[in-house]
Structure formats: C-alpha cells, structure tokens
C-alpha atoms as a PDB file:
ATOM      1  CA  MET A   1      57.036  45.180  -9.736  1.00  0.00           C
ATOM      2  CA  LEU A   2      57.058  48.485 -11.541  1.00  0.00           C
ATOM      3  CA  THR A   3      58.273  48.998 -15.081  1.00  0.00           C
ATOM      4  CA  ALA A   4      60.182  52.010 -16.387  1.00  0.00           C
ATOM      5  CA  GLN A   5      57.149  52.968 -18.480  1.00  0.00           C
ATOM      6  CA  GLN A   6      54.810  52.857 -15.476  1.00  0.00           C
ATOM      7  CA  VAL A   7      57.114  55.237 -13.635  1.00  0.00           C
ATOM      8  CA  LEU A   8      57.170  57.613 -16.622  1.00  0.00           C
ATOM      9  CA  ASP A   9      53.372  57.433 -16.950  1.00  0.00           C
ATOM     10  CA  THR A  10      52.806  58.315 -13.280  1.00  0.00           C
ATOM     11  CA  THR A  11      50.554  61.254 -12.493  1.00  0.00           C
ATOM     12  CA  PHE A  12      49.977  62.749  -9.069  1.00  0.00           C
ATOM     13  CA  THR A  13      47.258  64.869  -7.550  1.00  0.00           C
ATOM     14  CA  ALA A  14      48.310  68.522  -7.595  1.00  0.00           C
ATOM     15  CA  THR A  15      48.424  70.370  -4.282  1.00  0.00           C
ATOM     16  CA  LYS A  16      48.014  74.074  -3.658  1.00  0.00           C
ATOM     17  CA  PHE A  17      47.663  75.854  -0.308  1.00  0.00           C
ATOM     18  CA  ARG A  18      48.721  72.654   1.427  1.00  0.00           C
ATOM     19  CA  GLU A  19      52.068  70.946   1.523  1.00  0.00           C
ATOM     20  CA  GLY A  20      53.237  68.906  -1.408  1.00  0.00           C
ATOM     21  CA  TYR A  21      56.542  67.976  -3.024  1.00  0.00           C
ATOM     22  CA  ASP A  22      58.379  70.181  -5.516  1.00  0.00           C
ATOM     23  CA  VAL A  23      57.171  69.142  -8.982  1.00  0.00           C
ATOM     24  CA  GLU A  24      60.493  69.609 -10.805  1.00  0.00           C
ATOM     25  CA  GLN A  25      62.476  67.646  -8.205  1.00  0.00           C
ATOM     26  CA  VAL A  26      60.024  64.731  -8.279  1.00  0.00           C
ATOM     27  CA  ASP A  27      60.026  64.691 -12.100  1.00  0.00           C
ATOM     28  CA  ILE A  28      63.848  64.565 -12.213  1.00  0.00           C
ATOM     29  CA  TYR A  29      63.829  61.733  -9.682  1.00  0.00           C
ATOM     30  CA  LEU A  30      61.275  59.763 -11.723  1.00  0.00           C
ATOM     31  CA  ASP A  31      63.395  60.189 -14.870  1.00  0.00           C
ATOM     32  CA  ASP A  32      66.362  58.716 -12.979  1.00  0.00           C
ATOM     33  CA  VAL A  33      64.281  55.838 -11.626  1.00  0.00           C
ATOM     34  CA  SER A  34      63.026  55.112 -15.131  1.00  0.00           C
ATOM     35  CA  ALA A  35      66.580  55.070 -16.531  1.00  0.00           C
ATOM     36  CA  THR A  36      67.616  52.623 -13.794  1.00  0.00           C
ATOM     37  CA  LEU A  37      64.640  50.344 -14.418  1.00  0.00           C
ATOM     38  CA  LYS A  38      65.304  50.424 -18.182  1.00  0.00           C
ATOM     39  CA  ALA A  39      68.835  49.159 -17.500  1.00  0.00           C
ATOM     40  CA  TYR A  40      67.444  46.243 -15.481  1.00  0.00           C
ATOM     41  CA  GLU A  41      64.688  45.534 -18.009  1.00  0.00           C
ATOM     42  CA  ALA A  42      67.303  45.317 -20.758  1.00  0.00           C
ATOM     43  CA  GLY A  43      68.852  42.452 -18.796  1.00  0.00           C
ATOM     44  CA  GLY A  44      71.815  44.379 -17.468  1.00  0.00           C
ATOM     45  CA  ARG A  45      72.855  45.898 -14.209  1.00  0.00           C
ATOM     46  CA  PRO A  46      72.738  49.660 -13.736  1.00  0.00           C
ATOM     47  CA  GLY A  47      76.080  51.394 -14.108  1.00  0.00           C
ATOM     48  CA  PRO A  48      77.573  54.511 -12.579  1.00  0.00           C
ATOM     49  CA  GLY A  49      75.114  57.303 -11.939  1.00  0.00           C
ATOM     50  CA  LEU A  50      72.015  55.096 -11.766  1.00  0.00           C
ATOM     51  CA  LEU A  51      70.020  54.593  -8.580  1.00  0.00           C
ATOM     52  CA  THR A  52      70.257  51.850  -5.987  1.00  0.00           C
ATOM     53  CA  SER A  53      67.354  50.977  -3.713  1.00  0.00           C
ATOM     54  CA  VAL A  54      69.111  52.796  -0.849  1.00  0.00           C
ATOM     55  CA  GLU A  55      69.466  55.976  -2.917  1.00  0.00           C
ATOM     56  CA  ALA A  56      65.883  55.678  -4.166  1.00  0.00           C
ATOM     57  CA  ARG A  57      64.661  55.437  -0.564  1.00  0.00           C
ATOM     58  CA  SER A  58      66.796  58.326   0.688  1.00  0.00           C
ATOM     59  CA  VAL A  59      65.539  60.975  -1.740  1.00  0.00           C
ATOM     60  CA  ARG A  60      64.465  64.300  -0.200  1.00  0.00           C
ATOM     61  CA  PHE A  61      62.156  66.740  -1.962  1.00  0.00           C
ATOM     62  CA  SER A  62      61.571  70.361  -1.047  1.00  0.00           C
ATOM     63  CA  PRO A  63      58.103  70.933   0.375  1.00  0.00           C
ATOM     64  CA  THR A  64      55.693  73.338  -1.306  1.00  0.00           C
ATOM     65  CA  LYS A  65      52.713  75.074   0.205  1.00  0.00           C
ATOM     66  CA  TRP A  66      51.850  78.296  -1.620  1.00  0.00           C
ATOM     67  CA  ARG A  67      52.659  76.945  -5.063  1.00  0.00           C
ATOM     68  CA  GLU A  68      51.646  73.782  -6.852  1.00  0.00           C
ATOM     69  CA  GLY A  69      53.255  70.548  -5.740  1.00  0.00           C
ATOM     70  CA  TYR A  70      52.648  66.796  -5.880  1.00  0.00           C
ATOM     71  CA  ASP A  71      50.588  65.018  -3.252  1.00  0.00           C
ATOM     72  CA  VAL A  72      52.979  63.800  -0.536  1.00  0.00           C
ATOM     73  CA  THR A  73      51.228  60.503   0.196  1.00  0.00           C
ATOM     74  CA  GLU A  74      51.012  59.526  -3.464  1.00  0.00           C
ATOM     75  CA  VAL A  75      54.701  60.274  -4.060  1.00  0.00           C
ATOM     76  CA  ASP A  76      55.738  58.421  -0.890  1.00  0.00           C
ATOM     77  CA  GLU A  77      53.694  55.373  -1.912  1.00  0.00           C
ATOM     78  CA  LEU A  78      55.351  55.365  -5.327  1.00  0.00           C
ATOM     79  CA  ILE A  79      58.791  55.640  -3.676  1.00  0.00           C
ATOM     80  CA  ASP A  80      57.950  52.551  -1.582  1.00  0.00           C
ATOM     81  CA  ALA A  81      57.014  50.632  -4.752  1.00  0.00           C
ATOM     82  CA  ILE A  82      60.186  51.849  -6.518  1.00  0.00           C
ATOM     83  CA  VAL A  83      62.384  50.736  -3.609  1.00  0.00           C
ATOM     84  CA  SER A  84      60.678  47.347  -3.521  1.00  0.00           C
ATOM     85  CA  THR A  85      61.197  46.904  -7.263  1.00  0.00           C
ATOM     86  CA  LEU A  86      64.873  47.902  -7.075  1.00  0.00           C
ATOM     87  CA  GLN A  87      65.434  45.576  -4.098  1.00  0.00           C
ATOM     88  CA  SER A  88      63.956  42.705  -6.127  1.00  0.00           C
ATOM     89  CA  TYR A  89      66.350  43.397  -8.973  1.00  0.00           C
ATOM     90  CA  GLU A  90      69.307  43.788  -6.604  1.00  0.00           C
ATOM     91  CA  ALA A  91      68.501  40.530  -4.776  1.00  0.00           C
ATOM     92  CA  GLY A  92      69.325  38.247  -7.651  1.00  0.00           C
ATOM     93  CA  PRO A  93      68.636  37.402 -11.251  1.00  0.00           C
ATOM     94  CA  ALA A  94      66.551  40.124 -12.824  1.00  0.00           C
ATOM     95  CA  PRO A  95      62.923  38.989 -12.857  1.00  0.00           C
ATOM     96  CA  ALA A  96      60.810  39.855 -15.861  1.00  0.00           C
ATOM     97  CA  PRO A  97      58.893  43.091 -15.269  1.00  0.00           C
ATOM     98  CA  LEU A  98      55.149  42.774 -14.989  1.00  0.00           C
ATOM     99  CA  GLN A  99      53.351  44.412 -17.874  1.00  0.00           C
ATOM    100  CA  GLY A 100      50.174  46.304 -17.051  1.00  0.00           C
ATOM    101  CA  ALA A 101      50.528  45.954 -13.274  1.00  0.00           C
ATOM    102  CA  PRO A 102      48.322  48.327 -11.274  1.00  0.00           C
ATOM    103  CA  HIS A 103      49.927  51.586 -10.261  1.00  0.00           C
ATOM    104  CA  PRO A 104      50.688  52.033  -6.527  1.00  0.00           C
ATOM    105  CA  THR A 105      49.491  55.625  -5.997  1.00  0.00           C
ATOM    106  CA  ALA A 106      46.343  56.048  -3.910  1.00  0.00           C
ATOM    107  CA  ALA A 107      45.122  57.973  -0.856  1.00  0.00           C
ATOM    108  CA  VAL A 108      45.467  61.679  -0.146  1.00  0.00           C
ATOM    109  CA  SER A 109      47.086  63.026   3.027  1.00  0.00           C
ATOM    110  CA  ASP A 110      48.556  66.272   4.266  1.00  0.00           C
ATOM    111  CA  ALA A 111      51.334  64.532   6.212  1.00  0.00           C
ATOM    112  CA  VAL A 112      54.849  65.411   5.021  1.00  0.00           C
ATOM    113  CA  GLU A 113      57.629  62.854   5.195  1.00  0.00           C
ATOM    114  CA  GLN A 114      61.048  64.037   3.994  1.00  0.00           C
ATOM    115  CA  HIS A 115      63.526  61.840   2.109  1.00  0.00           C
ATOM    116  CA  ASP A 116      67.270  62.423   1.555  1.00  0.00           C
ATOM    117  CA  ALA A 117      68.606  63.377  -1.884  1.00  0.00           C
ATOM    118  CA  PRO A 118      70.289  60.648  -3.945  1.00  0.00           C
ATOM    119  CA  ALA A 119      74.036  60.512  -3.414  1.00  0.00           C
ATOM    120  CA  THR A 120      74.768  60.124  -7.103  1.00  0.00           C
ATOM    121  CA  PRO A 121      73.639  62.193 -10.047  1.00  0.00           C
ATOM    122  CA  PRO A 122      71.559  60.751 -12.863  1.00  0.00           C
ATOM    123  CA  ALA A 123      72.690  58.659 -15.797  1.00  0.00           C
ATOM    124  CA  ALA A 124      75.951  59.927 -17.214  1.00  0.00           C
ATOM    125  CA  ALA A 125      79.439  58.509 -17.088  1.00  0.00           C
ATOM    126  CA  GLY A 126      80.800  61.437 -15.068  1.00  0.00           C
ATOM    127  CA  ASP A 127      84.095  59.625 -14.632  1.00  0.00           C
ATOM    128  CA  GLY A 128      86.106  61.647 -17.133  1.00  0.00           C
ATOM    129  CA  THR A 129      86.055  58.902 -19.788  1.00  0.00           C
ATOM    130  CA  ARG A 130      83.691  60.751 -22.111  1.00  0.00           C
ATOM    131  CA  PRO A 131      82.399  64.312 -22.450  1.00  0.00           C
ATOM    132  CA  LEU A 132      78.994  65.069 -20.994  1.00  0.00           C
ATOM    133  CA  GLY A 133      76.222  65.996 -23.403  1.00  0.00           C
ATOM    134  CA  ILE A 134      74.062  69.044 -22.769  1.00  0.00           C
ATOM    135  CA  HIS A 135      71.136  66.893 -21.547  1.00  0.00           C
ATOM    136  CA  ASP A 136      73.301  65.002 -19.053  1.00  0.00           C
ATOM    137  CA  LEU A 137      74.940  68.222 -17.890  1.00  0.00           C
ATOM    138  CA  THR A 138      71.669  70.066 -17.295  1.00  0.00           C
ATOM    139  CA  THR A 139      70.141  67.074 -15.504  1.00  0.00           C
ATOM    140  CA  ARG A 140      73.218  66.728 -13.294  1.00  0.00           C
ATOM    141  CA  LEU A 141      73.158  70.478 -12.563  1.00  0.00           C
ATOM    142  CA  GLN A 142      69.500  70.224 -11.539  1.00  0.00           C
ATOM    143  CA  TYR A 143      70.320  67.322  -9.219  1.00  0.00           C
ATOM    144  CA  ALA A 144      73.301  69.144  -7.754  1.00  0.00           C
ATOM    145  CA  ARG A 145      71.102  72.175  -7.088  1.00  0.00           C
ATOM    146  CA  VAL A 146      68.562  69.994  -5.258  1.00  0.00           C
ATOM    147  CA  ARG A 147      71.336  68.420  -3.143  1.00  0.00           C
ATOM    148  CA  SER A 148      72.883  71.817  -2.353  1.00  0.00           C
ATOM    149  CA  ASN A 149      69.587  73.191  -1.013  1.00  0.00           C
ATOM    150  CA  GLY A 150      68.974  75.386  -4.029  1.00  0.00           C
ATOM    151  CA  SER A 151      72.374  77.068  -4.392  1.00  0.00           C
ATOM    152  CA  ASP A 152      72.866  78.539  -7.858  1.00  0.00           C
ATOM    153  CA  ARG A 153      76.623  79.029  -7.560  1.00  0.00           C
ATOM    154  CA  LEU A 154      78.604  77.090 -10.173  1.00  0.00           C
ATOM    155  CA  VAL A 155      82.241  76.261  -9.419  1.00  0.00           C
ATOM    156  CA  VAL A 156      84.650  74.291 -11.635  1.00  0.00           C
ATOM    157  CA  ARG A 157      87.733  72.369 -10.579  1.00  0.00           C
ATOM    158  CA  LEU A 158      90.721  73.258 -12.744  1.00  0.00           C
ATOM    159  CA  PRO A 159      93.418  70.754 -13.814  1.00  0.00           C
ATOM    160  CA  ASP A 160      95.813  72.096 -11.148  1.00  0.00           C
ATOM    161  CA  GLY A 161      93.243  71.250  -8.429  1.00  0.00           C
ATOM    162  CA  SER A 162      92.176  74.837  -7.745  1.00  0.00           C
ATOM    163  CA  THR A 163      88.588  76.002  -8.166  1.00  0.00           C
ATOM    164  CA  ALA A 164      87.085  78.974  -9.977  1.00  0.00           C
ATOM    165  CA  HIS A 165      83.597  80.472 -10.138  1.00  0.00           C
ATOM    166  CA  VAL A 166      81.802  80.335 -13.486  1.00  0.00           C
ATOM    167  CA  THR A 167      80.948  83.875 -14.585  1.00  0.00           C
ATOM    168  CA  ASP A 168      79.540  83.338 -18.085  1.00  0.00           C
ATOM    169  CA  LEU A 169      79.153  80.844 -20.891  1.00  0.00           C
ATOM    170  CA  GLU A 170      79.513  80.990 -24.636  1.00  0.00           C
ATOM    171  CA  ALA A 171      77.954  78.697 -27.233  1.00  0.00           C
ATOM    172  CA  GLY A 172      80.065  78.005 -30.288  1.00  0.00           C
ATOM    173  CA  PRO A 173      80.681  75.380 -32.969  1.00  0.00           C
ATOM    174  CA  ASP A 174      82.813  73.293 -30.562  1.00  0.00           C
ATOM    175  CA  GLY A 175      80.144  73.240 -27.863  1.00  0.00           C
ATOM    176  CA  ILE A 176      79.528  75.346 -24.775  1.00  0.00           C
ATOM    177  CA  THR A 177      82.482  77.084 -23.121  1.00  0.00           C
ATOM    178  CA  LEU A 178      82.305  78.127 -19.478  1.00  0.00           C
ATOM    179  CA  ARG A 179      84.101  81.349 -18.540  1.00  0.00           C
ATOM    180  CA  VAL A 180      85.600  81.505 -15.069  1.00  0.00           C
ATOM    181  CA  ALA A 181      86.655  84.360 -12.803  1.00  0.00           C
ATOM    182  CA  PRO A 182      90.422  85.034 -12.983  1.00  0.00           C
END
C-alpha cells in the first residue's frame, strides 16, 4: 500500500519528442491523491471532494509530445498502485499504511493509455457551507480546466439562477471580487 508521502515524493522520467502526460495535470492529481490518503491515514474516511478508487482510475491526462511530459508507463503504474491502495481502504477497516514500501514506478514505454478526469474537484467543501480559500479555488479552477478540455472561460451562477461571464477581478481587504459582464 502507498502512503500519502510516497505519492508526494514520486518522480517520473521526463519525456520530450515522444508522448508523455501533461506535467501540471499529473501533479494536481497526485496532490489530490495525497490529500485522500492523508484522510485515510488519519483514521477517517475521505469527505466531499476527495477521490474514490473509481475516480482515481478514471483520470485522463492530456498527452504531450513536443514539450516535456511525464513517462506514460510510469504514471500508469502509479495509478494502478493508487487504485489498489484506495480499494483496500474502501473495502473495510483502514489498514495501517506501510512505511518505506518500495515505489511502484518502473519500465519505460511509448504506449499512451488515456484515463478519464476525476468527476469531483480536489479537497474543498464546495457545498456552500464555507467560503473557498484562494488555494482551494485555484486548485479547483485548474481541475475544472482539465475536465473542460482546456477552456479558459469562467462563468458564475448568480443567486437568481442565471449565469454571467467573469470579465475581471479585483483584490481588496475583503478578499478577491470577481466582476461579471452586465
């Protein structure tokens, strides 16, 4: 079984001029996996916004070829180990994580296997019970961009149910204010 720290300490072979996975997308995913594993390691169950084994398995990363990426085989092998670890936790009482277990990354391959993006964004309440912090917001925006195939358009839902496009933002003493098109 993997620990949250092992996931955070993971390094992959860099690819260039051959297909790999988008570095930023993989790093965001690993942060989310680590947060989920930390919840289990603390003896609890992950709450809203944390990954299940199904979501961990269904992740999809954009392929890279002419820019640096992460080795596809190494990432896929780590995903298999992550899914196995999450399934173990989900199956019953949380087993104690193994400290110092060998890391599952290994062989190099040019084969590309795509995975679907997680259905839920990373750790944040997101249920309207508390305001999002800037870290949670930016992480969720990055995830949303990955799931929307790279769209940069930001739309907010207003209290009356209508939507408006964000046109600007302003930082002030009360936080960050989004300006919307009239």
